[in-house]
Amino acid sequence: MADRRRSSADQAAASRALPSRFLTPDDLVEMFELPSVETVYQWRRKRTGPRGFRVGRHLRFDPADVQAWVDAQREEVAA
């Protein structure tokens, strides 16, 4: 029984793992269940969201930066 619980917990953690590619604003909308991509652009304008960068005219996010931002948000709430 414990093995079953552990395997389902491992599966849940794997499903939450960030992809190894750079993320798009649409990826963030999907991941965080945001109302629209405009929320991501507002975060960028206000400098409150994860650090992003431009590739030409396209906005991208490093998964490590997104994870660091999520961790900082958790620490801020816990403090």
PDB file of N, CA and C in Angstrom:
ATOM      1  N   MET A   1       0.823  -1.197   0.000  1.00  0.00           N
ATOM      2  CA  MET A   1       0.000   0.000   0.000  1.00  0.00           C
ATOM      3  C   MET A   1       0.870   1.265   0.000  1.00  0.00           C
ATOM      4  N   ALA A   2       1.918   1.271   0.843  1.00  0.00           N
ATOM      5  CA  ALA A   2       2.803   2.434   0.903  1.00  0.00           C
ATOM      6  C   ALA A   2       3.500   2.640  -0.439  1.00  0.00           C
ATOM      7  N   ASP A   3       3.830   1.531  -1.122  1.00  0.00           N
ATOM      8  CA  ASP A   3       4.467   1.652  -2.431  1.00  0.00           C
ATOM      9  C   ASP A   3       3.534   2.330  -3.425  1.00  0.00           C
ATOM     10  N   ARG A   4       2.248   2.017  -3.342  1.00  0.00           N
ATOM     11  CA  ARG A   4       1.275   2.629  -4.228  1.00  0.00           C
ATOM     12  C   ARG A   4       1.180   4.133  -3.978  1.00  0.00           C
ATOM     13  N   ARG A   5       1.169   4.521  -2.707  1.00  0.00           N
ATOM     14  CA  ARG A   5       1.098   5.944  -2.362  1.00  0.00           C
ATOM     15  C   ARG A   5       2.355   6.666  -2.841  1.00  0.00           C
ATOM     16  N   ARG A   6       3.487   6.042  -2.636  1.00  0.00           N
ATOM     17  CA  ARG A   6       4.743   6.662  -3.038  1.00  0.00           C
ATOM     18  C   ARG A   6       4.789   6.829  -4.554  1.00  0.00           C
ATOM     19  N   SER A   7       4.353   5.827  -5.278  1.00  0.00           N
ATOM     20  CA  SER A   7       4.411   5.923  -6.731  1.00  0.00           C
ATOM     21  C   SER A   7       3.456   7.001  -7.241  1.00  0.00           C
ATOM     22  N   SER A   8       2.299   7.155  -6.632  1.00  0.00           N
ATOM     23  CA  SER A   8       1.391   8.208  -7.077  1.00  0.00           C
ATOM     24  C   SER A   8       1.938   9.580  -6.707  1.00  0.00           C
ATOM     25  N   ALA A   9       2.633   9.689  -5.578  1.00  0.00           N
ATOM     26  CA  ALA A   9       3.269  10.956  -5.207  1.00  0.00           C
ATOM     27  C   ALA A   9       4.405  11.271  -6.168  1.00  0.00           C
ATOM     28  N   ASP A  10       5.163  10.246  -6.551  1.00  0.00           N
ATOM     29  CA  ASP A  10       6.239  10.448  -7.523  1.00  0.00           C
ATOM     30  C   ASP A  10       5.678  10.887  -8.877  1.00  0.00           C
ATOM     31  N   GLN A  11       4.546  10.315  -9.269  1.00  0.00           N
ATOM     32  CA  GLN A  11       3.921  10.683 -10.532  1.00  0.00           C
ATOM     33  C   GLN A  11       3.434  12.127 -10.484  1.00  0.00           C
ATOM     34  N   ALA A  12       2.871  12.527  -9.350  1.00  0.00           N
ATOM     35  CA  ALA A  12       2.398  13.902  -9.210  1.00  0.00           C
ATOM     36  C   ALA A  12       3.569  14.872  -9.298  1.00  0.00           C
ATOM     37  N   ALA A  13       4.681  14.543  -8.648  1.00  0.00           N
ATOM     38  CA  ALA A  13       5.863  15.407  -8.699  1.00  0.00           C
ATOM     39  C   ALA A  13       6.405  15.485 -10.127  1.00  0.00           C
ATOM     40  N   ALA A  14       6.400  14.377 -10.834  1.00  0.00           N
ATOM     41  CA  ALA A  14       6.896  14.364 -12.204  1.00  0.00           C
ATOM     42  C   ALA A  14       5.992  15.195 -13.118  1.00  0.00           C
ATOM     43  N   SER A  15       4.688  15.170 -12.865  1.00  0.00           N
ATOM     44  CA  SER A  15       3.786  15.947 -13.712  1.00  0.00           C
ATOM     45  C   SER A  15       3.945  17.439 -13.464  1.00  0.00           C
ATOM     46  N   ARG A  16       4.438  17.813 -12.267  1.00  0.00           N
ATOM     47  CA  ARG A  16       4.651  19.223 -11.961  1.00  0.00           C
ATOM     48  C   ARG A  16       6.031  19.701 -12.396  1.00  0.00           C
ATOM     49  N   ALA A  17       6.881  18.800 -12.814  1.00  0.00           N
ATOM     50  CA  ALA A  17       8.237  19.172 -13.214  1.00  0.00           C
ATOM     51  C   ALA A  17       8.184  20.105 -14.417  1.00  0.00           C
ATOM     52  N   LEU A  18       9.057  21.069 -14.405  1.00  0.00           N
ATOM     53  CA  LEU A  18       9.112  22.018 -15.517  1.00  0.00           C
ATOM     54  C   LEU A  18       9.800  21.382 -16.717  1.00  0.00           C
ATOM     55  N   PRO A  19       9.388  21.755 -17.912  1.00  0.00           N
ATOM     56  CA  PRO A  19      10.052  21.211 -19.104  1.00  0.00           C
ATOM     57  C   PRO A  19      11.482  21.718 -19.212  1.00  0.00           C
ATOM     58  N   SER A  20      12.287  21.051 -20.007  1.00  0.00           N
ATOM     59  CA  SER A  20      13.692  21.424 -20.147  1.00  0.00           C
ATOM     60  C   SER A  20      13.900  22.505 -21.201  1.00  0.00           C
ATOM     61  N   ARG A  21      12.857  22.937 -21.868  1.00  0.00           N
ATOM     62  CA  ARG A  21      12.970  23.989 -22.880  1.00  0.00           C
ATOM     63  C   ARG A  21      12.605  25.336 -22.254  1.00  0.00           C
ATOM     64  N   PHE A  22      12.929  26.415 -22.950  1.00  0.00           N
ATOM     65  CA  PHE A  22      12.515  27.732 -22.485  1.00  0.00           C
ATOM     66  C   PHE A  22      10.998  27.841 -22.586  1.00  0.00           C
ATOM     67  N   LEU A  23      10.403  28.518 -21.625  1.00  0.00           N
ATOM     68  CA  LEU A  23       8.947  28.606 -21.537  1.00  0.00           C
ATOM     69  C   LEU A  23       8.438  29.875 -22.210  1.00  0.00           C
ATOM     70  N   THR A  24       7.244  29.788 -22.758  1.00  0.00           N
ATOM     71  CA  THR A  24       6.581  30.931 -23.379  1.00  0.00           C
ATOM     72  C   THR A  24       5.594  31.526 -22.378  1.00  0.00           C
ATOM     73  N   PRO A  25       5.098  32.734 -22.640  1.00  0.00           N
ATOM     74  CA  PRO A  25       4.046  33.279 -21.777  1.00  0.00           C
ATOM     75  C   PRO A  25       2.824  32.365 -21.714  1.00  0.00           C
ATOM     76  N   ASP A  26       2.480  31.732 -22.834  1.00  0.00           N
ATOM     77  CA  ASP A  26       1.353  30.795 -22.832  1.00  0.00           C
ATOM     78  C   ASP A  26       1.608  29.611 -21.905  1.00  0.00           C
ATOM     79  N   ASP A  27       2.857  29.160 -21.820  1.00  0.00           N
ATOM     80  CA  ASP A  27       3.196  28.083 -20.895  1.00  0.00           C
ATOM     81  C   ASP A  27       2.917  28.510 -19.450  1.00  0.00           C
ATOM     82  N   LEU A  28       3.283  29.753 -19.115  1.00  0.00           N
ATOM     83  CA  LEU A  28       3.040  30.243 -17.759  1.00  0.00           C
ATOM     84  C   LEU A  28       1.548  30.364 -17.479  1.00  0.00           C
ATOM     85  N   VAL A  29       0.788  30.799 -18.468  1.00  0.00           N
ATOM     86  CA  VAL A  29      -0.667  30.886 -18.303  1.00  0.00           C
ATOM     87  C   VAL A  29      -1.235  29.513 -17.974  1.00  0.00           C
ATOM     88  N   GLU A  30      -0.776  28.516 -18.680  1.00  0.00           N
ATOM     89  CA  GLU A  30      -1.262  27.155 -18.453  1.00  0.00           C
ATOM     90  C   GLU A  30      -0.794  26.602 -17.110  1.00  0.00           C
ATOM     91  N   MET A  31       0.469  26.814 -16.785  1.00  0.00           N
ATOM     92  CA  MET A  31       1.035  26.270 -15.554  1.00  0.00           C
ATOM     93  C   MET A  31       0.385  26.849 -14.310  1.00  0.00           C
ATOM     94  N   PHE A  32       0.158  28.167 -14.315  1.00  0.00           N
ATOM     95  CA  PHE A  32      -0.371  28.844 -13.136  1.00  0.00           C
ATOM     96  C   PHE A  32      -1.859  29.132 -13.224  1.00  0.00           C
ATOM     97  N   GLU A  33      -2.501  28.627 -14.282  1.00  0.00           N
ATOM     98  CA  GLU A  33      -3.936  28.810 -14.497  1.00  0.00           C
ATOM     99  C   GLU A  33      -4.312  30.284 -14.392  1.00  0.00           C
ATOM    100  N   LEU A  34      -3.578  31.110 -15.129  1.00  0.00           N
ATOM    101  CA  LEU A  34      -3.803  32.556 -15.144  1.00  0.00           C
ATOM    102  C   LEU A  34      -4.967  32.883 -16.070  1.00  0.00           C
ATOM    103  N   PRO A  35      -5.611  34.029 -15.850  1.00  0.00           N
ATOM    104  CA  PRO A  35      -6.754  34.381 -16.705  1.00  0.00           C
ATOM    105  C   PRO A  35      -6.379  34.641 -18.157  1.00  0.00           C
ATOM    106  N   SER A  36      -5.196  35.238 -18.392  1.00  0.00           N
ATOM    107  CA  SER A  36      -4.778  35.501 -19.769  1.00  0.00           C
ATOM    108  C   SER A  36      -3.281  35.761 -19.804  1.00  0.00           C
ATOM    109  N   VAL A  37      -2.752  35.800 -21.019  1.00  0.00           N
ATOM    110  CA  VAL A  37      -1.334  36.074 -21.216  1.00  0.00           C
ATOM    111  C   VAL A  37      -1.011  37.514 -20.809  1.00  0.00           C
ATOM    112  N   GLU A  38      -2.000  38.381 -20.806  1.00  0.00           N
ATOM    113  CA  GLU A  38      -1.787  39.766 -20.394  1.00  0.00           C
ATOM    114  C   GLU A  38      -1.284  39.826 -18.951  1.00  0.00           C
ATOM    115  N   THR A  39      -1.677  38.888 -18.110  1.00  0.00           N
ATOM    116  CA  THR A  39      -1.191  38.836 -16.726  1.00  0.00           C
ATOM    117  C   THR A  39       0.326  38.676 -16.701  1.00  0.00           C
ATOM    118  N   VAL A  40       0.854  37.835 -17.555  1.00  0.00           N
ATOM    119  CA  VAL A  40       2.301  37.613 -17.630  1.00  0.00           C
ATOM    120  C   VAL A  40       2.998  38.904 -18.057  1.00  0.00           C
ATOM    121  N   TYR A  41       2.424  39.594 -19.032  1.00  0.00           N
ATOM    122  CA  TYR A  41       3.022  40.849 -19.491  1.00  0.00           C
ATOM    123  C   TYR A  41       2.922  41.940 -18.417  1.00  0.00           C
ATOM    124  N   GLN A  42       1.851  41.940 -17.624  1.00  0.00           N
ATOM    125  CA  GLN A  42       1.743  42.890 -16.505  1.00  0.00           C
ATOM    126  C   GLN A  42       2.809  42.604 -15.456  1.00  0.00           C
ATOM    127  N   TRP A  43       3.020  41.321 -15.153  1.00  0.00           N
ATOM    128  CA  TRP A  43       4.076  40.955 -14.203  1.00  0.00           C
ATOM    129  C   TRP A  43       5.412  41.510 -14.691  1.00  0.00           C
ATOM    130  N   ARG A  44       5.646  41.384 -15.989  1.00  0.00           N
ATOM    131  CA  ARG A  44       6.921  41.841 -16.554  1.00  0.00           C
ATOM    132  C   ARG A  44       7.053  43.359 -16.443  1.00  0.00           C
ATOM    133  N   ARG A  45       5.996  44.081 -16.777  1.00  0.00           N
ATOM    134  CA  ARG A  45       6.025  45.544 -16.676  1.00  0.00           C
ATOM    135  C   ARG A  45       6.237  46.001 -15.235  1.00  0.00           C
ATOM    136  N   LYS A  46       5.597  45.310 -14.295  1.00  0.00           N
ATOM    137  CA  LYS A  46       5.697  45.683 -12.878  1.00  0.00           C
ATOM    138  C   LYS A  46       6.921  45.068 -12.195  1.00  0.00           C
ATOM    139  N   ARG A  47       7.622  44.203 -12.920  1.00  0.00           N
ATOM    140  CA  ARG A  47       8.792  43.486 -12.383  1.00  0.00           C
ATOM    141  C   ARG A  47       8.441  42.672 -11.141  1.00  0.00           C
ATOM    142  N   THR A  48       7.305  41.987 -11.199  1.00  0.00           N
ATOM    143  CA  THR A  48       6.867  41.160 -10.076  1.00  0.00           C
ATOM    144  C   THR A  48       6.881  39.671 -10.403  1.00  0.00           C
ATOM    145  N   GLY A  49       6.996  39.326 -11.662  1.00  0.00           N
ATOM    146  CA  GLY A  49       6.957  37.926 -12.067  1.00  0.00           C
ATOM    147  C   GLY A  49       8.342  37.345 -12.242  1.00  0.00           C
ATOM    148  N   PRO A  50       8.406  36.130 -12.784  1.00  0.00           N
ATOM    149  CA  PRO A  50       9.709  35.507 -13.026  1.00  0.00           C
ATOM    150  C   PRO A  50      10.498  36.288 -14.071  1.00  0.00           C
ATOM    151  N   ARG A  51      11.804  36.197 -13.960  1.00  0.00           N
ATOM    152  CA  ARG A  51      12.689  36.893 -14.896  1.00  0.00           C
ATOM    153  C   ARG A  51      12.537  36.286 -16.290  1.00  0.00           C
ATOM    154  N   GLY A  52      12.349  37.138 -17.264  1.00  0.00           N
ATOM    155  CA  GLY A  52      12.205  36.693 -18.644  1.00  0.00           C
ATOM    156  C   GLY A  52      13.218  37.385 -19.528  1.00  0.00           C
ATOM    157  N   PHE A  53      13.286  36.964 -20.764  1.00  0.00           N
ATOM    158  CA  PHE A  53      14.196  37.578 -21.724  1.00  0.00           C
ATOM    159  C   PHE A  53      13.578  37.506 -23.112  1.00  0.00           C
ATOM    160  N   ARG A  54      14.058  38.344 -23.978  1.00  0.00           N
ATOM    161  CA  ARG A  54      13.545  38.402 -25.341  1.00  0.00           C
ATOM    162  C   ARG A  54      14.465  37.651 -26.304  1.00  0.00           C
ATOM    163  N   VAL A  55      13.851  36.946 -27.216  1.00  0.00           N
ATOM    164  CA  VAL A  55      14.533  36.342 -28.349  1.00  0.00           C
ATOM    165  C   VAL A  55      13.860  36.970 -29.561  1.00  0.00           C
ATOM    166  N   GLY A  56      14.500  38.016 -30.089  1.00  0.00           N
ATOM    167  CA  GLY A  56      13.823  38.808 -31.111  1.00  0.00           C
ATOM    168  C   GLY A  56      12.634  39.496 -30.479  1.00  0.00           C
ATOM    169  N   ARG A  57      11.455  39.239 -30.992  1.00  0.00           N
ATOM    170  CA  ARG A  57      10.262  39.845 -30.413  1.00  0.00           C
ATOM    171  C   ARG A  57       9.524  38.899 -29.474  1.00  0.00           C
ATOM    172  N   HIS A  58      10.069  37.723 -29.251  1.00  0.00           N
ATOM    173  CA  HIS A  58       9.407  36.698 -28.446  1.00  0.00           C
ATOM    174  C   HIS A  58       9.942  36.698 -27.018  1.00  0.00           C
ATOM    175  N   LEU A  59       9.032  36.625 -26.054  1.00  0.00           N
ATOM    176  CA  LEU A  59       9.382  36.573 -24.645  1.00  0.00           C
ATOM    177  C   LEU A  59       9.535  35.115 -24.224  1.00  0.00           C
ATOM    178  N   ARG A  60      10.623  34.823 -23.524  1.00  0.00           N
ATOM    179  CA  ARG A  60      10.880  33.464 -23.046  1.00  0.00           C
ATOM    180  C   ARG A  60      11.305  33.507 -21.586  1.00  0.00           C
ATOM    181  N   PHE A  61      11.125  32.373 -20.910  1.00  0.00           N
ATOM    182  CA  PHE A  61      11.475  32.236 -19.507  1.00  0.00           C
ATOM    183  C   PHE A  61      12.294  30.972 -19.317  1.00  0.00           C
ATOM    184  N   ASP A  62      13.371  31.083 -18.561  1.00  0.00           N
ATOM    185  CA  ASP A  62      14.184  29.921 -18.221  1.00  0.00           C
ATOM    186  C   ASP A  62      13.446  29.168 -17.114  1.00  0.00           C
ATOM    187  N   PRO A  63      13.251  27.858 -17.255  1.00  0.00           N
ATOM    188  CA  PRO A  63      12.558  27.097 -16.215  1.00  0.00           C
ATOM    189  C   PRO A  63      13.197  27.252 -14.831  1.00  0.00           C
ATOM    190  N   ALA A  64      14.516  27.388 -14.771  1.00  0.00           N
ATOM    191  CA  ALA A  64      15.191  27.568 -13.481  1.00  0.00           C
ATOM    192  C   ALA A  64      14.791  28.899 -12.843  1.00  0.00           C
ATOM    193  N   ASP A  65      14.642  29.953 -13.665  1.00  0.00           N
ATOM    194  CA  ASP A  65      14.204  31.251 -13.146  1.00  0.00           C
ATOM    195  C   ASP A  65      12.763  31.185 -12.655  1.00  0.00           C
ATOM    196  N   VAL A  66      11.921  30.465 -13.380  1.00  0.00           N
ATOM    197  CA  VAL A  66      10.526  30.314 -12.962  1.00  0.00           C
ATOM    198  C   VAL A  66      10.467  29.569 -11.634  1.00  0.00           C
ATOM    199  N   GLN A  67      11.253  28.495 -11.509  1.00  0.00           N
ATOM    200  CA  GLN A  67      11.269  27.732 -10.254  1.00  0.00           C
ATOM    201  C   GLN A  67      11.790  28.586  -9.102  1.00  0.00           C
ATOM    202  N   ALA A  68      12.816  29.377  -9.346  1.00  0.00           N
ATOM    203  CA  ALA A  68      13.355  30.267  -8.312  1.00  0.00           C
ATOM    204  C   ALA A  68      12.308  31.285  -7.890  1.00  0.00           C
ATOM    205  N   TRP A  69      11.554  31.802  -8.841  1.00  0.00           N
ATOM    206  CA  TRP A  69      10.496  32.770  -8.535  1.00  0.00           C
ATOM    207  C   TRP A  69       9.393  32.118  -7.691  1.00  0.00           C
ATOM    208  N   VAL A  70       8.998  30.906  -8.058  1.00  0.00           N
ATOM    209  CA  VAL A  70       7.982  30.177  -7.286  1.00  0.00           C
ATOM    210  C   VAL A  70       8.483  29.942  -5.865  1.00  0.00           C
ATOM    211  N   ASP A  71       9.719  29.519  -5.723  1.00  0.00           N
ATOM    212  CA  ASP A  71      10.293  29.281  -4.394  1.00  0.00           C
ATOM    213  C   ASP A  71      10.307  30.565  -3.565  1.00  0.00           C
ATOM    214  N   ALA A  72      10.646  31.689  -4.200  1.00  0.00           N
ATOM    215  CA  ALA A  72      10.663  32.975  -3.488  1.00  0.00           C
ATOM    216  C   ALA A  72       9.254  33.359  -3.053  1.00  0.00           C
ATOM    217  N   GLN A  73       8.256  33.070  -3.899  1.00  0.00           N
ATOM    218  CA  GLN A  73       6.881  33.383  -3.522  1.00  0.00           C
ATOM    219  C   GLN A  73       6.448  32.551  -2.330  1.00  0.00           C
ATOM    220  N   ARG A  74       6.845  31.291  -2.301  1.00  0.00           N
ATOM    221  CA  ARG A  74       6.510  30.415  -1.162  1.00  0.00           C
ATOM    222  C   ARG A  74       7.168  30.899   0.123  1.00  0.00           C
ATOM    223  N   GLU A  75       8.437  31.302   0.029  1.00  0.00           N
ATOM    224  CA  GLU A  75       9.152  31.793   1.209  1.00  0.00           C
ATOM    225  C   GLU A  75       8.525  33.082   1.725  1.00  0.00           C
ATOM    226  N   GLU A  76       8.100  33.939   0.799  1.00  0.00           N
ATOM    227  CA  GLU A  76       7.485  35.208   1.177  1.00  0.00           C
ATOM    228  C   GLU A  76       6.183  34.964   1.923  1.00  0.00           C
ATOM    229  N   VAL A  77       5.403  33.994   1.495  1.00  0.00           N
ATOM    230  CA  VAL A  77       4.128  33.678   2.145  1.00  0.00           C
ATOM    231  C   VAL A  77       4.380  33.043   3.511  1.00  0.00           C
ATOM    232  N   ALA A  78       5.411  32.208   3.594  1.00  0.00           N
ATOM    233  CA  ALA A  78       5.705  31.513   4.852  1.00  0.00           C
ATOM    234  C   ALA A  78       6.277  32.464   5.908  1.00  0.00           C
ATOM    235  N   ALA A  79       6.887  33.551   5.487  1.00  0.00           N
ATOM    236  CA  ALA A  79       7.528  34.482   6.437  1.00  0.00           C
ATOM    237  C   ALA A  79       6.534  35.334   7.181  1.00  0.00           C
TER     238      ALA A  79
END
